[in-house]
């Protein structure tokens, strides 16, 4: 009888390779970086939007931060 590990390896022979692991970690770090950068941009945009003079810049920075934040959470980019 095969163990679950052996079945997974036989079903997807490249699933446990080093290359797949590097791609997964790279993708995960990219998403985490996008979420952090987007959150920081939202906070900076909120801070800029408090002053009336910097309100237009704050709106642009804040909305760009929201777009990057949401993209980091939900975007899926294939490298094929």
PDB file of N, CA and C in Angstrom:
ATOM      1  N   UNK A   1       0.824  -1.172   0.000  1.00  0.00           N
ATOM      2  CA  UNK A   1       0.000   0.000   0.000  1.00  0.00           C
ATOM      3  C   UNK A   1       0.880   1.252   0.000  1.00  0.00           C
ATOM      4  N   UNK A   2       0.501   2.242  -0.770  1.00  0.00           N
ATOM      5  CA  UNK A   2       1.285   3.469  -0.876  1.00  0.00           C
ATOM      6  C   UNK A   2       0.881   4.460   0.208  1.00  0.00           C
ATOM      7  N   UNK A   3       1.862   5.179   0.679  1.00  0.00           N
ATOM      8  CA  UNK A   3       1.555   6.233   1.640  1.00  0.00           C
ATOM      9  C   UNK A   3       1.065   7.464   0.883  1.00  0.00           C
ATOM     10  N   UNK A   4       0.524   8.402   1.627  1.00  0.00           N
ATOM     11  CA  UNK A   4       0.028   9.633   1.011  1.00  0.00           C
ATOM     12  C   UNK A   4       1.163  10.400   0.334  1.00  0.00           C
ATOM     13  N   UNK A   5       2.346  10.399   0.943  1.00  0.00           N
ATOM     14  CA  UNK A   5       3.494  11.089   0.368  1.00  0.00           C
ATOM     15  C   UNK A   5       3.885  10.471  -0.976  1.00  0.00           C
ATOM     16  N   UNK A   6       3.903   9.141  -1.040  1.00  0.00           N
ATOM     17  CA  UNK A   6       4.262   8.470  -2.280  1.00  0.00           C
ATOM     18  C   UNK A   6       3.223   8.714  -3.362  1.00  0.00           C
ATOM     19  N   UNK A   7       1.946   8.728  -2.984  1.00  0.00           N
ATOM     20  CA  UNK A   7       0.895   9.008  -3.962  1.00  0.00           C
ATOM     21  C   UNK A   7       1.016  10.422  -4.507  1.00  0.00           C
ATOM     22  N   UNK A   8       1.298  11.369  -3.653  1.00  0.00           N
ATOM     23  CA  UNK A   8       1.435  12.756  -4.094  1.00  0.00           C
ATOM     24  C   UNK A   8       2.633  12.911  -5.013  1.00  0.00           C
ATOM     25  N   UNK A   9       3.726  12.214  -4.689  1.00  0.00           N
ATOM     26  CA  UNK A   9       4.926  12.290  -5.519  1.00  0.00           C
ATOM     27  C   UNK A   9       4.694  11.647  -6.875  1.00  0.00           C
ATOM     28  N   UNK A  10       3.966  10.546  -6.907  1.00  0.00           N
ATOM     29  CA  UNK A  10       3.697   9.877  -8.173  1.00  0.00           C
ATOM     30  C   UNK A  10       2.693  10.657  -9.014  1.00  0.00           C
ATOM     31  N   UNK A  11       1.733  11.300  -8.384  1.00  0.00           N
ATOM     32  CA  UNK A  11       0.725  12.045  -9.130  1.00  0.00           C
ATOM     33  C   UNK A  11       1.312  13.312  -9.731  1.00  0.00           C
ATOM     34  N   UNK A  12       2.199  13.965  -9.001  1.00  0.00           N
ATOM     35  CA  UNK A  12       2.825  15.201  -9.452  1.00  0.00           C
ATOM     36  C   UNK A  12       4.330  15.092  -9.229  1.00  0.00           C
ATOM     37  N   UNK A  13       5.053  14.549 -10.183  1.00  0.00           N
ATOM     38  CA  UNK A  13       6.483  14.305  -9.950  1.00  0.00           C
ATOM     39  C   UNK A  13       7.302  15.573  -9.760  1.00  0.00           C
ATOM     40  N   UNK A  14       6.839  16.705 -10.295  1.00  0.00           N
ATOM     41  CA  UNK A  14       7.604  17.944 -10.165  1.00  0.00           C
ATOM     42  C   UNK A  14       7.088  18.820  -9.033  1.00  0.00           C
ATOM     43  N   UNK A  15       6.087  18.364  -8.310  1.00  0.00           N
ATOM     44  CA  UNK A  15       5.481  19.188  -7.268  1.00  0.00           C
ATOM     45  C   UNK A  15       6.417  19.413  -6.089  1.00  0.00           C
ATOM     46  N   UNK A  16       7.316  18.500  -5.839  1.00  0.00           N
ATOM     47  CA  UNK A  16       8.178  18.613  -4.678  1.00  0.00           C
ATOM     48  C   UNK A  16       9.617  18.947  -5.054  1.00  0.00           C
ATOM     49  N   UNK A  17       9.842  19.401  -6.271  1.00  0.00           N
ATOM     50  CA  UNK A  17      11.203  19.713  -6.697  1.00  0.00           C
ATOM     51  C   UNK A  17      11.646  21.053  -6.120  1.00  0.00           C
ATOM     52  N   UNK A  18      12.934  21.279  -6.141  1.00  0.00           N
ATOM     53  CA  UNK A  18      13.485  22.525  -5.625  1.00  0.00           C
ATOM     54  C   UNK A  18      13.037  23.728  -6.424  1.00  0.00           C
ATOM     55  N   UNK A  19      12.908  23.550  -7.739  1.00  0.00           N
ATOM     56  CA  UNK A  19      12.491  24.657  -8.598  1.00  0.00           C
ATOM     57  C   UNK A  19      11.076  25.119  -8.251  1.00  0.00           C
ATOM     58  N   UNK A  20      10.184  24.184  -8.005  1.00  0.00           N
ATOM     59  CA  UNK A  20       8.804  24.539  -7.652  1.00  0.00           C
ATOM     60  C   UNK A  20       8.766  25.240  -6.303  1.00  0.00           C
ATOM     61  N   UNK A  21       9.615  24.792  -5.386  1.00  0.00           N
ATOM     62  CA  UNK A  21       9.665  25.417  -4.073  1.00  0.00           C
ATOM     63  C   UNK A  21      10.156  26.857  -4.178  1.00  0.00           C
ATOM     64  N   UNK A  22      11.173  27.083  -4.981  1.00  0.00           N
ATOM     65  CA  UNK A  22      11.697  28.440  -5.174  1.00  0.00           C
ATOM     66  C   UNK A  22      10.640  29.324  -5.807  1.00  0.00           C
ATOM     67  N   UNK A  23       9.922  28.825  -6.805  1.00  0.00           N
ATOM     68  CA  UNK A  23       8.869  29.623  -7.437  1.00  0.00           C
ATOM     69  C   UNK A  23       7.760  29.956  -6.451  1.00  0.00           C
ATOM     70  N   UNK A  24       7.396  29.018  -5.602  1.00  0.00           N
ATOM     71  CA  UNK A  24       6.346  29.260  -4.623  1.00  0.00           C
ATOM     72  C   UNK A  24       6.765  30.310  -3.608  1.00  0.00           C
ATOM     73  N   UNK A  25       7.977  30.198  -3.104  1.00  0.00           N
ATOM     74  CA  UNK A  25       8.472  31.171  -2.129  1.00  0.00           C
ATOM     75  C   UNK A  25       8.597  32.543  -2.771  1.00  0.00           C
ATOM     76  N   UNK A  26       9.070  32.591  -4.002  1.00  0.00           N
ATOM     77  CA  UNK A  26       9.208  33.852  -4.715  1.00  0.00           C
ATOM     78  C   UNK A  26       7.851  34.525  -4.901  1.00  0.00           C
ATOM     79  N   UNK A  27       6.860  33.753  -5.278  1.00  0.00           N
ATOM     80  CA  UNK A  27       5.520  34.292  -5.459  1.00  0.00           C
ATOM     81  C   UNK A  27       4.948  34.786  -4.137  1.00  0.00           C
ATOM     82  N   UNK A  28       5.136  34.014  -3.084  1.00  0.00           N
ATOM     83  CA  UNK A  28       4.626  34.393  -1.765  1.00  0.00           C
ATOM     84  C   UNK A  28       5.276  35.683  -1.277  1.00  0.00           C
ATOM     85  N   UNK A  29       6.588  35.795  -1.435  1.00  0.00           N
ATOM     86  CA  UNK A  29       7.276  37.014  -1.003  1.00  0.00           C
ATOM     87  C   UNK A  29       6.836  38.228  -1.826  1.00  0.00           C
ATOM     88  N   UNK A  30       6.575  38.022  -3.107  1.00  0.00           N
ATOM     89  CA  UNK A  30       6.087  39.117  -3.938  1.00  0.00           C
ATOM     90  C   UNK A  30       4.724  39.603  -3.479  1.00  0.00           C
ATOM     91  N   UNK A  31       3.857  38.675  -3.130  1.00  0.00           N
ATOM     92  CA  UNK A  31       2.533  39.056  -2.647  1.00  0.00           C
ATOM     93  C   UNK A  31       2.615  39.764  -1.293  1.00  0.00           C
ATOM     94  N   UNK A  32       3.466  39.260  -0.411  1.00  0.00           N
ATOM     95  CA  UNK A  32       3.625  39.900   0.898  1.00  0.00           C
ATOM     96  C   UNK A  32       4.183  41.304   0.738  1.00  0.00           C
ATOM     97  N   UNK A  33       5.161  41.474  -0.140  1.00  0.00           N
ATOM     98  CA  UNK A  33       5.733  42.802  -0.379  1.00  0.00           C
ATOM     99  C   UNK A  33       4.682  43.756  -0.940  1.00  0.00           C
ATOM    100  N   UNK A  34       3.850  43.284  -1.853  1.00  0.00           N
ATOM    101  CA  UNK A  34       2.803  44.139  -2.423  1.00  0.00           C
ATOM    102  C   UNK A  34       1.795  44.555  -1.366  1.00  0.00           C
ATOM    103  N   UNK A  35       1.429  43.644  -0.481  1.00  0.00           N
ATOM    104  CA  UNK A  35       0.474  43.973   0.583  1.00  0.00           C
ATOM    105  C   UNK A  35       1.071  45.011   1.532  1.00  0.00           C
ATOM    106  N   UNK A  36       2.321  44.830   1.927  1.00  0.00           N
ATOM    107  CA  UNK A  36       2.961  45.766   2.855  1.00  0.00           C
ATOM    108  C   UNK A  36       3.136  47.140   2.206  1.00  0.00           C
ATOM    109  N   UNK A  37       3.625  47.166   0.975  1.00  0.00           N
ATOM    110  CA  UNK A  37       3.819  48.447   0.278  1.00  0.00           C
ATOM    111  C   UNK A  37       2.480  49.142   0.058  1.00  0.00           C
ATOM    112  N   UNK A  38       1.458  48.391  -0.320  1.00  0.00           N
ATOM    113  CA  UNK A  38       0.136  48.984  -0.510  1.00  0.00           C
ATOM    114  C   UNK A  38      -0.417  49.562   0.767  1.00  0.00           C
ATOM    115  N   UNK A  39      -0.232  48.854   1.888  1.00  0.00           N
ATOM    116  CA  UNK A  39      -0.718  49.361   3.177  1.00  0.00           C
ATOM    117  C   UNK A  39       0.014  50.642   3.569  1.00  0.00           C
ATOM    118  N   UNK A  40       1.327  50.661   3.389  1.00  0.00           N
ATOM    119  CA  UNK A  40       2.108  51.861   3.708  1.00  0.00           C
ATOM    120  C   UNK A  40       1.658  53.033   2.840  1.00  0.00           C
ATOM    121  N   UNK A  41       1.414  52.774   1.560  1.00  0.00           N
ATOM    122  CA  UNK A  41       0.949  53.854   0.676  1.00  0.00           C
ATOM    123  C   UNK A  41      -0.425  54.359   1.094  1.00  0.00           C
ATOM    124  N   UNK A  42      -1.297  53.468   1.560  1.00  0.00           N
ATOM    125  CA  UNK A  42      -2.614  53.917   2.036  1.00  0.00           C
ATOM    126  C   UNK A  42      -2.475  54.815   3.262  1.00  0.00           C
ATOM    127  N   UNK A  43      -1.597  54.451   4.180  1.00  0.00           N
ATOM    128  CA  UNK A  43      -1.396  55.264   5.382  1.00  0.00           C
ATOM    129  C   UNK A  43      -0.790  56.614   5.013  1.00  0.00           C
ATOM    130  N   UNK A  44       0.191  56.617   4.122  1.00  0.00           N
ATOM    131  CA  UNK A  44       0.797  57.874   3.679  1.00  0.00           C
ATOM    132  C   UNK A  44      -0.241  58.732   2.956  1.00  0.00           C
ATOM    133  N   UNK A  45      -1.059  58.121   2.119  1.00  0.00           N
ATOM    134  CA  UNK A  45      -2.113  58.864   1.428  1.00  0.00           C
ATOM    135  C   UNK A  45      -3.120  59.454   2.391  1.00  0.00           C
ATOM    136  N   UNK A  46      -3.444  58.709   3.434  1.00  0.00           N
ATOM    137  CA  UNK A  46      -4.353  59.226   4.457  1.00  0.00           C
ATOM    138  C   UNK A  46      -3.728  60.411   5.174  1.00  0.00           C
ATOM    139  N   UNK A  47      -2.449  60.302   5.491  1.00  0.00           N
ATOM    140  CA  UNK A  47      -1.749  61.407   6.147  1.00  0.00           C
ATOM    141  C   UNK A  47      -1.662  62.643   5.257  1.00  0.00           C
ATOM    142  N   UNK A  48      -1.406  62.446   3.981  1.00  0.00           N
ATOM    143  CA  UNK A  48      -1.346  63.580   3.061  1.00  0.00           C
ATOM    144  C   UNK A  48      -2.728  64.188   2.830  1.00  0.00           C
ATOM    145  N   UNK A  49      -3.742  63.353   2.858  1.00  0.00           N
ATOM    146  CA  UNK A  49      -5.096  63.840   2.606  1.00  0.00           C
ATOM    147  C   UNK A  49      -5.662  64.684   3.732  1.00  0.00           C
ATOM    148  N   UNK A  50      -5.052  64.637   4.899  1.00  0.00           N
ATOM    149  CA  UNK A  50      -5.540  65.429   6.035  1.00  0.00           C
ATOM    150  C   UNK A  50      -5.347  66.915   5.772  1.00  0.00           C
ATOM    151  N   UNK A  51      -4.228  67.269   5.169  1.00  0.00           N
ATOM    152  CA  UNK A  51      -4.000  68.683   4.856  1.00  0.00           C
ATOM    153  C   UNK A  51      -4.685  69.018   3.542  1.00  0.00           C
ATOM    154  N   UNK A  52      -5.279  70.204   3.474  1.00  0.00           N
ATOM    155  CA  UNK A  52      -6.064  70.581   2.304  1.00  0.00           C
ATOM    156  C   UNK A  52      -5.182  70.771   1.066  1.00  0.00           C
ATOM    157  N   UNK A  53      -3.969  71.227   1.257  1.00  0.00           N
ATOM    158  CA  UNK A  53      -3.090  71.494   0.116  1.00  0.00           C
ATOM    159  C   UNK A  53      -2.638  70.186  -0.537  1.00  0.00           C
ATOM    160  N   UNK A  54      -2.382  69.164   0.266  1.00  0.00           N
ATOM    161  CA  UNK A  54      -1.878  67.897  -0.259  1.00  0.00           C
ATOM    162  C   UNK A  54      -2.986  66.885  -0.532  1.00  0.00           C
ATOM    163  N   UNK A  55      -4.241  67.309  -0.475  1.00  0.00           N
ATOM    164  CA  UNK A  55      -5.359  66.391  -0.678  1.00  0.00           C
ATOM    165  C   UNK A  55      -5.319  65.683  -2.034  1.00  0.00           C
ATOM    166  N   UNK A  56      -5.072  66.380  -3.152  1.00  0.00           N
ATOM    167  CA  UNK A  56      -5.025  65.655  -4.439  1.00  0.00           C
ATOM    168  C   UNK A  56      -3.912  64.598  -4.488  1.00  0.00           C
ATOM    169  N   UNK A  57      -2.758  64.918  -3.938  1.00  0.00           N
ATOM    170  CA  UNK A  57      -1.649  63.957  -3.920  1.00  0.00           C
ATOM    171  C   UNK A  57      -2.003  62.791  -2.997  1.00  0.00           C
ATOM    172  N   UNK A  58      -2.622  63.101  -1.875  1.00  0.00           N
ATOM    173  CA  UNK A  58      -3.018  62.061  -0.931  1.00  0.00           C
ATOM    174  C   UNK A  58      -4.030  61.097  -1.525  1.00  0.00           C
ATOM    175  N   UNK A  59      -4.964  61.621  -2.308  1.00  0.00           N
ATOM    176  CA  UNK A  59      -5.944  60.749  -2.962  1.00  0.00           C
ATOM    177  C   UNK A  59      -5.278  59.802  -3.951  1.00  0.00           C
ATOM    178  N   UNK A  60      -4.369  60.329  -4.744  1.00  0.00           N
ATOM    179  CA  UNK A  60      -3.689  59.495  -5.739  1.00  0.00           C
ATOM    180  C   UNK A  60      -2.834  58.429  -5.065  1.00  0.00           C
ATOM    181  N   UNK A  61      -2.058  58.829  -4.071  1.00  0.00           N
ATOM    182  CA  UNK A  61      -1.192  57.872  -3.376  1.00  0.00           C
ATOM    183  C   UNK A  61      -2.033  56.833  -2.641  1.00  0.00           C
ATOM    184  N   UNK A  62      -3.098  57.275  -1.983  1.00  0.00           N
ATOM    185  CA  UNK A  62      -3.952  56.347  -1.246  1.00  0.00           C
ATOM    186  C   UNK A  62      -4.655  55.354  -2.147  1.00  0.00           C
ATOM    187  N   UNK A  63      -5.192  55.820  -3.268  1.00  0.00           N
ATOM    188  CA  UNK A  63      -5.881  54.912  -4.191  1.00  0.00           C
ATOM    189  C   UNK A  63      -4.911  53.958  -4.881  1.00  0.00           C
ATOM    190  N   UNK A  64      -3.714  54.448  -5.181  1.00  0.00           N
ATOM    191  CA  UNK A  64      -2.691  53.545  -5.737  1.00  0.00           C
ATOM    192  C   UNK A  64      -2.317  52.486  -4.699  1.00  0.00           C
ATOM    193  N   UNK A  65      -2.257  52.886  -3.438  1.00  0.00           N
ATOM    194  CA  UNK A  65      -1.978  51.934  -2.364  1.00  0.00           C
ATOM    195  C   UNK A  65      -3.066  50.886  -2.240  1.00  0.00           C
ATOM    196  N   UNK A  66      -4.320  51.306  -2.377  1.00  0.00           N
ATOM    197  CA  UNK A  66      -5.430  50.347  -2.326  1.00  0.00           C
ATOM    198  C   UNK A  66      -5.317  49.348  -3.475  1.00  0.00           C
ATOM    199  N   UNK A  67      -5.005  49.846  -4.672  1.00  0.00           N
ATOM    200  CA  UNK A  67      -4.885  48.962  -5.835  1.00  0.00           C
ATOM    201  C   UNK A  67      -3.756  47.945  -5.644  1.00  0.00           C
ATOM    202  N   UNK A  68      -2.612  48.407  -5.131  1.00  0.00           N
ATOM    203  CA  UNK A  68      -1.485  47.499  -4.910  1.00  0.00           C
ATOM    204  C   UNK A  68      -1.812  46.505  -3.797  1.00  0.00           C
ATOM    205  N   UNK A  69      -2.471  46.972  -2.742  1.00  0.00           N
ATOM    206  CA  UNK A  69      -2.849  46.107  -1.627  1.00  0.00           C
ATOM    207  C   UNK A  69      -3.788  44.996  -2.083  1.00  0.00           C
ATOM    208  N   UNK A  70      -4.828  45.363  -2.822  1.00  0.00           N
ATOM    209  CA  UNK A  70      -5.792  44.373  -3.312  1.00  0.00           C
ATOM    210  C   UNK A  70      -5.122  43.436  -4.320  1.00  0.00           C
ATOM    211  N   UNK A  71      -4.278  43.987  -5.171  1.00  0.00           N
ATOM    212  CA  UNK A  71      -3.547  43.150  -6.119  1.00  0.00           C
ATOM    213  C   UNK A  71      -2.651  42.148  -5.417  1.00  0.00           C
ATOM    214  N   UNK A  72      -2.019  42.572  -4.330  1.00  0.00           N
ATOM    215  CA  UNK A  72      -1.174  41.660  -3.565  1.00  0.00           C
ATOM    216  C   UNK A  72      -1.967  40.547  -2.902  1.00  0.00           C
ATOM    217  N   UNK A  73      -3.217  40.839  -2.542  1.00  0.00           N
ATOM    218  CA  UNK A  73      -4.045  39.820  -1.904  1.00  0.00           C
ATOM    219  C   UNK A  73      -4.639  38.834  -2.909  1.00  0.00           C
ATOM    220  N   UNK A  74      -5.088  39.323  -4.068  1.00  0.00           N
ATOM    221  CA  UNK A  74      -5.893  38.493  -4.950  1.00  0.00           C
ATOM    222  C   UNK A  74      -5.286  38.213  -6.315  1.00  0.00           C
ATOM    223  N   UNK A  75      -4.267  38.929  -6.748  1.00  0.00           N
ATOM    224  CA  UNK A  75      -3.748  38.754  -8.103  1.00  0.00           C
ATOM    225  C   UNK A  75      -3.006  37.419  -8.240  1.00  0.00           C
ATOM    226  N   UNK A  76      -3.102  36.833  -9.398  1.00  0.00           N
ATOM    227  CA  UNK A  76      -2.382  35.596  -9.713  1.00  0.00           C
ATOM    228  C   UNK A  76      -1.700  35.801 -11.050  1.00  0.00           C
ATOM    229  N   UNK A  77      -0.390  35.797 -11.042  1.00  0.00           N
ATOM    230  CA  UNK A  77       0.374  36.049 -12.260  1.00  0.00           C
ATOM    231  C   UNK A  77       1.104  34.778 -12.639  1.00  0.00           C
ATOM    232  N   UNK A  78       0.826  34.262 -13.833  1.00  0.00           N
ATOM    233  CA  UNK A  78       1.504  33.063 -14.325  1.00  0.00           C
ATOM    234  C   UNK A  78       2.777  33.464 -15.057  1.00  0.00           C
ATOM    235  N   UNK A  79       3.819  32.677 -14.878  1.00  0.00           N
ATOM    236  CA  UNK A  79       5.085  32.921 -15.585  1.00  0.00           C
ATOM    237  C   UNK A  79       5.277  31.874 -16.668  1.00  0.00           C
ATOM    238  N   UNK A  80       4.315  31.724 -17.529  1.00  0.00           N
ATOM    239  CA  UNK A  80       4.417  30.716 -18.596  1.00  0.00           C
ATOM    240  C   UNK A  80       4.660  31.354 -19.923  1.00  0.00           C
TER     241      UNK A  80
END
